[in-house]
PDB file of all heavy atoms in Angstrom:
ATOM      1  N   LEU A   1      -0.715  -3.950  20.864  1.00  0.00           N
ATOM      2  CA  LEU A   1      -1.040  -2.499  21.002  1.00  0.00           C
ATOM      3  C   LEU A   1      -2.246  -2.134  20.203  1.00  0.00           C
ATOM      4  O   LEU A   1      -2.415  -2.638  19.065  1.00  0.00           O
ATOM      5  CB  LEU A   1       0.193  -1.655  20.514  1.00  0.00           C
ATOM      6  CG  LEU A   1       1.443  -1.745  21.364  1.00  0.00           C
ATOM      7  CD1 LEU A   1       2.565  -1.092  20.558  1.00  0.00           C
ATOM      8  CD2 LEU A   1       1.254  -1.121  22.685  1.00  0.00           C
ATOM      9  N   PRO A   2      -3.064  -1.285  20.667  1.00  0.00           N
ATOM     10  CA  PRO A   2      -4.230  -0.831  19.882  1.00  0.00           C
ATOM     11  C   PRO A   2      -3.661   0.014  18.707  1.00  0.00           C
ATOM     12  O   PRO A   2      -2.689   0.750  18.861  1.00  0.00           O
ATOM     13  CB  PRO A   2      -4.986   0.024  20.906  1.00  0.00           C
ATOM     14  CG  PRO A   2      -4.016   0.509  21.896  1.00  0.00           C
ATOM     15  CD  PRO A   2      -3.038  -0.677  22.024  1.00  0.00           C
ATOM     16  N   GLY A   3      -4.381  -0.048  17.581  1.00  0.00           N
ATOM     17  CA  GLY A   3      -3.972   0.719  16.468  1.00  0.00           C
ATOM     18  C   GLY A   3      -2.759   0.262  15.784  1.00  0.00           C
ATOM     19  O   GLY A   3      -2.259   0.929  14.842  1.00  0.00           O
ATOM     20  N   HIS A   4      -2.249  -0.948  16.145  1.00  0.00           N
ATOM     21  CA  HIS A   4      -0.981  -1.502  15.585  1.00  0.00           C
ATOM     22  C   HIS A   4      -1.300  -2.689  14.697  1.00  0.00           C
ATOM     23  O   HIS A   4      -1.868  -3.678  15.228  1.00  0.00           O
ATOM     24  CB  HIS A   4      -0.048  -1.845  16.660  1.00  0.00           C
ATOM     25  CG  HIS A   4       1.287  -2.270  16.232  1.00  0.00           C
ATOM     26  ND1 HIS A   4       1.567  -3.393  15.465  1.00  0.00           N
ATOM     27  CD2 HIS A   4       2.511  -1.633  16.408  1.00  0.00           C
ATOM     28  CE1 HIS A   4       2.845  -3.487  15.195  1.00  0.00           C
ATOM     29  NE2 HIS A   4       3.413  -2.446  15.741  1.00  0.00           N
ATOM     30  N   THR A   5      -1.041  -2.652  13.444  1.00  0.00           N
ATOM     31  CA  THR A   5      -1.180  -3.799  12.547  1.00  0.00           C
ATOM     32  C   THR A   5       0.214  -4.081  11.846  1.00  0.00           C
ATOM     33  O   THR A   5       0.816  -3.163  11.340  1.00  0.00           O
ATOM     34  CB  THR A   5      -2.262  -3.537  11.473  1.00  0.00           C
ATOM     35  OG1 THR A   5      -1.800  -2.428  10.658  1.00  0.00           O
ATOM     36  CG2 THR A   5      -3.501  -3.249  12.106  1.00  0.00           C
ATOM     37  N   SER A   6       0.614  -5.315  11.801  1.00  0.00           N
ATOM     38  CA  SER A   6       1.763  -5.691  11.105  1.00  0.00           C
ATOM     39  C   SER A   6       1.541  -7.032  10.499  1.00  0.00           C
ATOM     40  O   SER A   6       0.987  -7.941  11.015  1.00  0.00           O
ATOM     41  CB  SER A   6       3.008  -5.743  12.144  1.00  0.00           C
ATOM     42  OG  SER A   6       2.696  -6.639  13.184  1.00  0.00           O
ATOM     43  N   PHE A   7       2.177  -7.226   9.270  1.00  0.00           N
ATOM     44  CA  PHE A   7       2.003  -8.440   8.549  1.00  0.00           C
ATOM     45  C   PHE A   7       3.119  -8.476   7.454  1.00  0.00           C
ATOM     46  O   PHE A   7       3.730  -7.476   7.149  1.00  0.00           O
ATOM     47  CB  PHE A   7       0.634  -8.443   7.888  1.00  0.00           C
ATOM     48  CG  PHE A   7       0.240  -7.277   7.102  1.00  0.00           C
ATOM     49  CD1 PHE A   7       0.580  -7.133   5.728  1.00  0.00           C
ATOM     50  CD2 PHE A   7      -0.441  -6.254   7.656  1.00  0.00           C
ATOM     51  CE1 PHE A   7       0.230  -6.064   5.008  1.00  0.00           C
ATOM     52  CE2 PHE A   7      -0.752  -5.073   7.027  1.00  0.00           C
ATOM     53  CZ  PHE A   7      -0.415  -4.940   5.667  1.00  0.00           C
ATOM     54  N   CYS A   8       3.308  -9.671   6.921  1.00  0.00           N
ATOM     55  CA  CYS A   8       4.221  -9.868   5.776  1.00  0.00           C
ATOM     56  C   CYS A   8       3.425 -10.356   4.615  1.00  0.00           C
ATOM     57  O   CYS A   8       2.535 -11.264   4.725  1.00  0.00           O
ATOM     58  CB  CYS A   8       5.255 -10.883   6.145  1.00  0.00           C
ATOM     59  SG  CYS A   8       6.348 -10.403   7.488  1.00  0.00           S
ATOM     60  N   VAL A   9       3.677  -9.834   3.455  1.00  0.00           N
ATOM     61  CA  VAL A   9       3.130 -10.302   2.203  1.00  0.00           C
ATOM     62  C   VAL A   9       4.138 -11.122   1.512  1.00  0.00           C
ATOM     63  O   VAL A   9       5.302 -10.593   1.142  1.00  0.00           O
ATOM     64  CB  VAL A   9       2.673  -9.120   1.360  1.00  0.00           C
ATOM     65  CG1 VAL A   9       2.020  -9.584   0.058  1.00  0.00           C
ATOM     66  CG2 VAL A   9       1.708  -8.213   2.097  1.00  0.00           C
ATOM     67  N   GLU A  10       3.909 -12.397   1.264  1.00  0.00           N
ATOM     68  CA  GLU A  10       4.896 -13.227   0.657  1.00  0.00           C
ATOM     69  C   GLU A  10       5.212 -12.913  -0.760  1.00  0.00           C
ATOM     70  O   GLU A  10       4.427 -12.437  -1.507  1.00  0.00           O
ATOM     71  CB  GLU A  10       4.448 -14.716   0.798  1.00  0.00           C
ATOM     72  CG  GLU A  10       4.280 -15.211   2.232  1.00  0.00           C
ATOM     73  CD  GLU A  10       3.984 -16.712   2.257  1.00  0.00           C
ATOM     74  OE1 GLU A  10       4.850 -17.502   1.739  1.00  0.00           O
ATOM     75  OE2 GLU A  10       2.949 -17.096   2.826  1.00  0.00           O
ATOM     76  N   PHE A  11       6.474 -13.208  -1.096  1.00  0.00           N
ATOM     77  CA  PHE A  11       7.005 -13.123  -2.533  1.00  0.00           C
ATOM     78  C   PHE A  11       7.373 -11.728  -3.014  1.00  0.00           C
ATOM     79  O   PHE A  11       7.851 -11.522  -4.014  1.00  0.00           O
ATOM     80  CB  PHE A  11       5.999 -13.759  -3.459  1.00  0.00           C
ATOM     81  CG  PHE A  11       5.532 -15.085  -3.123  1.00  0.00           C
ATOM     82  CD1 PHE A  11       4.137 -15.304  -2.827  1.00  0.00           C
ATOM     83  CD2 PHE A  11       6.396 -16.187  -2.959  1.00  0.00           C
ATOM     84  CE1 PHE A  11       3.654 -16.479  -2.503  1.00  0.00           C
ATOM     85  CE2 PHE A  11       5.858 -17.370  -2.581  1.00  0.00           C
ATOM     86  CZ  PHE A  11       4.504 -17.569  -2.330  1.00  0.00           C
ATOM     87  N   ILE A  12       7.126 -10.693  -2.108  1.00  0.00           N
ATOM     88  CA  ILE A  12       7.563  -9.312  -2.542  1.00  0.00           C
ATOM     89  C   ILE A  12       8.171  -8.644  -1.323  1.00  0.00           C
ATOM     90  O   ILE A  12       8.050  -9.041  -0.186  1.00  0.00           O
ATOM     91  CB  ILE A  12       6.336  -8.542  -2.984  1.00  0.00           C
ATOM     92  CG1 ILE A  12       5.180  -8.615  -2.056  1.00  0.00           C
ATOM     93  CG2 ILE A  12       5.923  -8.972  -4.419  1.00  0.00           C
ATOM     94  CD1 ILE A  12       3.923  -7.823  -2.527  1.00  0.00           C
ATOM     95  N   GLU A  13       8.874  -7.519  -1.570  1.00  0.00           N
ATOM     96  CA  GLU A  13       9.566  -6.813  -0.500  1.00  0.00           C
ATOM     97  C   GLU A  13       8.745  -5.631   0.058  1.00  0.00           C
ATOM     98  O   GLU A  13       7.977  -4.997  -0.705  1.00  0.00           O
ATOM     99  CB  GLU A  13      10.925  -6.257  -1.070  1.00  0.00           C
ATOM    100  CG  GLU A  13      11.898  -7.349  -1.463  1.00  0.00           C
ATOM    101  CD  GLU A  13      13.256  -6.790  -1.778  1.00  0.00           C
ATOM    102  OE1 GLU A  13      13.364  -5.505  -1.890  1.00  0.00           O
ATOM    103  OE2 GLU A  13      14.232  -7.554  -1.947  1.00  0.00           O
ATOM    104  N   GLY A  14       8.892  -5.534   1.325  1.00  0.00           N
ATOM    105  CA  GLY A  14       8.136  -4.440   2.050  1.00  0.00           C
ATOM    106  C   GLY A  14       8.399  -3.091   1.517  1.00  0.00           C
ATOM    107  O   GLY A  14       7.547  -2.221   1.375  1.00  0.00           O
ATOM    108  N   GLU A  15       9.725  -2.812   1.115  1.00  0.00           N
ATOM    109  CA  GLU A  15      10.099  -1.509   0.697  1.00  0.00           C
ATOM    110  C   GLU A  15       9.405  -1.152  -0.580  1.00  0.00           C
ATOM    111  O   GLU A  15       9.019   0.017  -0.802  1.00  0.00           O
ATOM    112  CB  GLU A  15      11.613  -1.354   0.496  1.00  0.00           C
ATOM    113  CG  GLU A  15      12.407  -1.316   1.824  1.00  0.00           C
ATOM    114  CD  GLU A  15      12.542  -2.682   2.434  1.00  0.00           C
ATOM    115  OE1 GLU A  15      12.249  -3.702   1.792  1.00  0.00           O
ATOM    116  OE2 GLU A  15      12.918  -2.799   3.608  1.00  0.00           O
ATOM    117  N   ALA A  16       9.182  -2.135  -1.466  1.00  0.00           N
ATOM    118  CA  ALA A  16       8.453  -1.821  -2.739  1.00  0.00           C
ATOM    119  C   ALA A  16       7.062  -1.556  -2.455  1.00  0.00           C
ATOM    120  O   ALA A  16       6.531  -0.538  -3.083  1.00  0.00           O
ATOM    121  CB  ALA A  16       8.623  -3.140  -3.641  1.00  0.00           C
ATOM    122  N   MET A  17       6.393  -2.266  -1.580  1.00  0.00           N
ATOM    123  CA  MET A  17       5.013  -1.906  -1.236  1.00  0.00           C
ATOM    124  C   MET A  17       4.922  -0.544  -0.572  1.00  0.00           C
ATOM    125  O   MET A  17       4.038   0.225  -0.830  1.00  0.00           O
ATOM    126  CB  MET A  17       4.494  -2.941  -0.270  1.00  0.00           C
ATOM    127  CG  MET A  17       4.174  -4.304  -0.933  1.00  0.00           C
ATOM    128  SD  MET A  17       3.390  -5.513   0.227  1.00  0.00           S
ATOM    129  CE  MET A  17       4.789  -5.977   1.278  1.00  0.00           C
ATOM    130  N   LEU A  18       5.874  -0.283   0.244  1.00  0.00           N
ATOM    131  CA  LEU A  18       5.944   1.007   0.948  1.00  0.00           C
ATOM    132  C   LEU A  18       5.952   2.184  -0.023  1.00  0.00           C
ATOM    133  O   LEU A  18       5.188   3.185   0.031  1.00  0.00           O
ATOM    134  CB  LEU A  18       7.122   1.115   1.869  1.00  0.00           C
ATOM    135  CG  LEU A  18       7.303   2.327   2.803  1.00  0.00           C
ATOM    136  CD1 LEU A  18       8.145   1.926   4.067  1.00  0.00           C
ATOM    137  CD2 LEU A  18       7.987   3.506   2.102  1.00  0.00           C
ATOM    138  N   MET A  19       6.845   2.117  -1.015  1.00  0.00           N
ATOM    139  CA  MET A  19       6.961   3.145  -2.045  1.00  0.00           C
ATOM    140  C   MET A  19       5.702   3.306  -2.914  1.00  0.00           C
ATOM    141  O   MET A  19       5.301   4.447  -3.215  1.00  0.00           O
ATOM    142  CB  MET A  19       8.245   2.927  -2.931  1.00  0.00           C
ATOM    143  CG  MET A  19       9.515   2.887  -2.068  1.00  0.00           C
ATOM    144  SD  MET A  19       9.780   4.443  -1.159  1.00  0.00           S
ATOM    145  CE  MET A  19       9.855   5.686  -2.488  1.00  0.00           C
ATOM    146  N   LEU A  20       5.128   2.220  -3.287  1.00  0.00           N
ATOM    147  CA  LEU A  20       3.935   2.289  -4.130  1.00  0.00           C
ATOM    148  C   LEU A  20       2.703   2.770  -3.278  1.00  0.00           C
ATOM    149  O   LEU A  20       1.826   3.505  -3.824  1.00  0.00           O
ATOM    150  CB  LEU A  20       3.627   0.939  -4.726  1.00  0.00           C
ATOM    151  CG  LEU A  20       4.636   0.542  -5.835  1.00  0.00           C
ATOM    152  CD1 LEU A  20       4.246  -0.879  -6.428  1.00  0.00           C
ATOM    153  CD2 LEU A  20       4.639   1.546  -6.952  1.00  0.00           C
ATOM    154  N   LEU A  21       2.658   2.387  -2.020  1.00  0.00           N
ATOM    155  CA  LEU A  21       1.615   2.930  -1.162  1.00  0.00           C
ATOM    156  C   LEU A  21       1.797   4.418  -0.984  1.00  0.00           C
ATOM    157  O   LEU A  21       0.819   5.227  -1.018  1.00  0.00           O
ATOM    158  CB  LEU A  21       1.648   2.241   0.244  1.00  0.00           C
ATOM    159  CG  LEU A  21       0.957   0.882   0.327  1.00  0.00           C
ATOM    160  CD1 LEU A  21       1.307   0.223   1.645  1.00  0.00           C
ATOM    161  CD2 LEU A  21      -0.491   0.948   0.161  1.00  0.00           C
ATOM    162  N   ASN A  22       3.022   4.846  -0.832  1.00  0.00           N
ATOM    163  CA  ASN A  22       3.296   6.279  -0.729  1.00  0.00           C
ATOM    164  C   ASN A  22       2.867   7.040  -2.014  1.00  0.00           C
ATOM    165  O   ASN A  22       2.374   8.199  -1.935  1.00  0.00           O
ATOM    166  CB  ASN A  22       4.848   6.535  -0.526  1.00  0.00           C
ATOM    167  CG  ASN A  22       5.188   7.936  -0.242  1.00  0.00           C
ATOM    168  OD1 ASN A  22       4.678   8.572   0.682  1.00  0.00           O
ATOM    169  ND2 ASN A  22       6.042   8.522  -1.123  1.00  0.00           N
ATOM    170  N   SER A  23       2.985   6.428  -3.134  1.00  0.00           N
ATOM    171  CA  SER A  23       2.532   7.056  -4.394  1.00  0.00           C
ATOM    172  C   SER A  23       1.047   7.200  -4.457  1.00  0.00           C
ATOM    173  O   SER A  23       0.493   8.004  -5.236  1.00  0.00           O
ATOM    174  CB  SER A  23       2.978   6.254  -5.640  1.00  0.00           C
ATOM    175  OG  SER A  23       2.266   5.025  -5.699  1.00  0.00           O
ATOM    176  N   GLN A  24       0.350   6.378  -3.597  1.00  0.00           N
ATOM    177  CA  GLN A  24      -1.134   6.535  -3.450  1.00  0.00           C
ATOM    178  C   GLN A  24      -1.580   7.304  -2.251  1.00  0.00           C
ATOM    179  O   GLN A  24      -2.730   7.346  -1.879  1.00  0.00           O
ATOM    180  CB  GLN A  24      -1.709   5.068  -3.297  1.00  0.00           C
ATOM    181  CG  GLN A  24      -1.543   4.243  -4.609  1.00  0.00           C
ATOM    182  CD  GLN A  24      -2.221   4.867  -5.858  1.00  0.00           C
ATOM    183  OE1 GLN A  24      -3.374   5.197  -5.714  1.00  0.00           O
ATOM    184  NE2 GLN A  24      -1.508   4.914  -6.948  1.00  0.00           N
ATOM    185  N   GLY A  25      -0.608   8.008  -1.630  1.00  0.00           N
ATOM    186  CA  GLY A  25      -0.913   8.882  -0.539  1.00  0.00           C
ATOM    187  C   GLY A  25      -0.987   8.250   0.839  1.00  0.00           C
ATOM    188  O   GLY A  25      -1.441   8.803   1.841  1.00  0.00           O
ATOM    189  N   VAL A  26      -0.449   6.959   0.951  1.00  0.00           N
ATOM    190  CA  VAL A  26      -0.536   6.204   2.185  1.00  0.00           C
ATOM    191  C   VAL A  26       0.935   6.061   2.746  1.00  0.00           C
ATOM    192  O   VAL A  26       1.823   5.564   2.154  1.00  0.00           O
ATOM    193  CB  VAL A  26      -1.134   4.787   2.009  1.00  0.00           C
ATOM    194  CG1 VAL A  26      -1.235   4.099   3.314  1.00  0.00           C
ATOM    195  CG2 VAL A  26      -2.531   4.932   1.363  1.00  0.00           C
ATOM    196  N   ALA A  27       1.036   6.563   3.986  1.00  0.00           N
ATOM    197  CA  ALA A  27       2.347   6.436   4.642  1.00  0.00           C
ATOM    198  C   ALA A  27       2.366   5.316   5.646  1.00  0.00           C
ATOM    199  O   ALA A  27       1.548   5.269   6.536  1.00  0.00           O
ATOM    200  CB  ALA A  27       2.722   7.770   5.435  1.00  0.00           C
ATOM    201  N   VAL A  28       3.293   4.399   5.460  1.00  0.00           N
ATOM    202  CA  VAL A  28       3.452   3.198   6.365  1.00  0.00           C
ATOM    203  C   VAL A  28       4.931   2.925   6.557  1.00  0.00           C
ATOM    204  O   VAL A  28       5.793   3.700   6.027  1.00  0.00           O
ATOM    205  CB  VAL A  28       2.747   1.975   5.693  1.00  0.00           C
ATOM    206  CG1 VAL A  28       1.327   2.175   5.462  1.00  0.00           C
ATOM    207  CG2 VAL A  28       3.543   1.483   4.502  1.00  0.00           C
ATOM    208  N   SER A  29       5.246   1.939   7.350  1.00  0.00           N
ATOM    209  CA  SER A  29       6.601   1.580   7.601  1.00  0.00           C
ATOM    210  C   SER A  29       6.851   0.160   7.219  1.00  0.00           C
ATOM    211  O   SER A  29       5.878  -0.668   7.056  1.00  0.00           O
ATOM    212  CB  SER A  29       6.995   1.764   9.100  1.00  0.00           C
ATOM    213  OG  SER A  29       7.263   3.074   9.473  1.00  0.00           O
ATOM    214  N   SER A  30       8.087  -0.237   7.027  1.00  0.00           N
ATOM    215  CA  SER A  30       8.435  -1.585   6.871  1.00  0.00           C
ATOM    216  C   SER A  30       9.436  -1.939   7.908  1.00  0.00           C
ATOM    217  O   SER A  30      10.682  -1.815   7.724  1.00  0.00           O
ATOM    218  CB  SER A  30       9.061  -1.837   5.453  1.00  0.00           C
ATOM    219  OG  SER A  30       9.404  -3.201   5.278  1.00  0.00           O
ATOM    220  N   GLY A  31       8.930  -2.289   9.096  1.00  0.00           N
ATOM    221  CA  GLY A  31       9.825  -2.524  10.263  1.00  0.00           C
ATOM    222  C   GLY A  31       9.988  -1.300  11.057  1.00  0.00           C
ATOM    223  O   GLY A  31       9.231  -0.262  10.939  1.00  0.00           O
ATOM    224  N   SER A  32      10.976  -1.265  11.902  1.00  0.00           N
ATOM    225  CA  SER A  32      11.172  -0.133  12.860  1.00  0.00           C
ATOM    226  C   SER A  32      11.674   1.095  12.069  1.00  0.00           C
ATOM    227  O   SER A  32      12.472   0.967  11.138  1.00  0.00           O
ATOM    228  CB  SER A  32      12.220  -0.488  13.956  1.00  0.00           C
ATOM    229  OG  SER A  32      12.791   0.573  14.581  1.00  0.00           O
ATOM    230  N   ALA A  33      11.210   2.219  12.490  1.00  0.00           N
ATOM    231  CA  ALA A  33      11.581   3.504  11.839  1.00  0.00           C
ATOM    232  C   ALA A  33      13.120   3.756  11.998  1.00  0.00           C
ATOM    233  O   ALA A  33      13.733   4.262  11.140  1.00  0.00           O
ATOM    234  CB  ALA A  33      10.845   4.709  12.447  1.00  0.00           C
TER     235      ALA A  33
END
């Protein structure tokens, strides 16, 4: 899909990245909403 990027960052959890990105003003998902 255009505009769709998905990846895994090894050794850490997606939810932790999601919350810290949110603290920087960036809204993302970790898997399906």
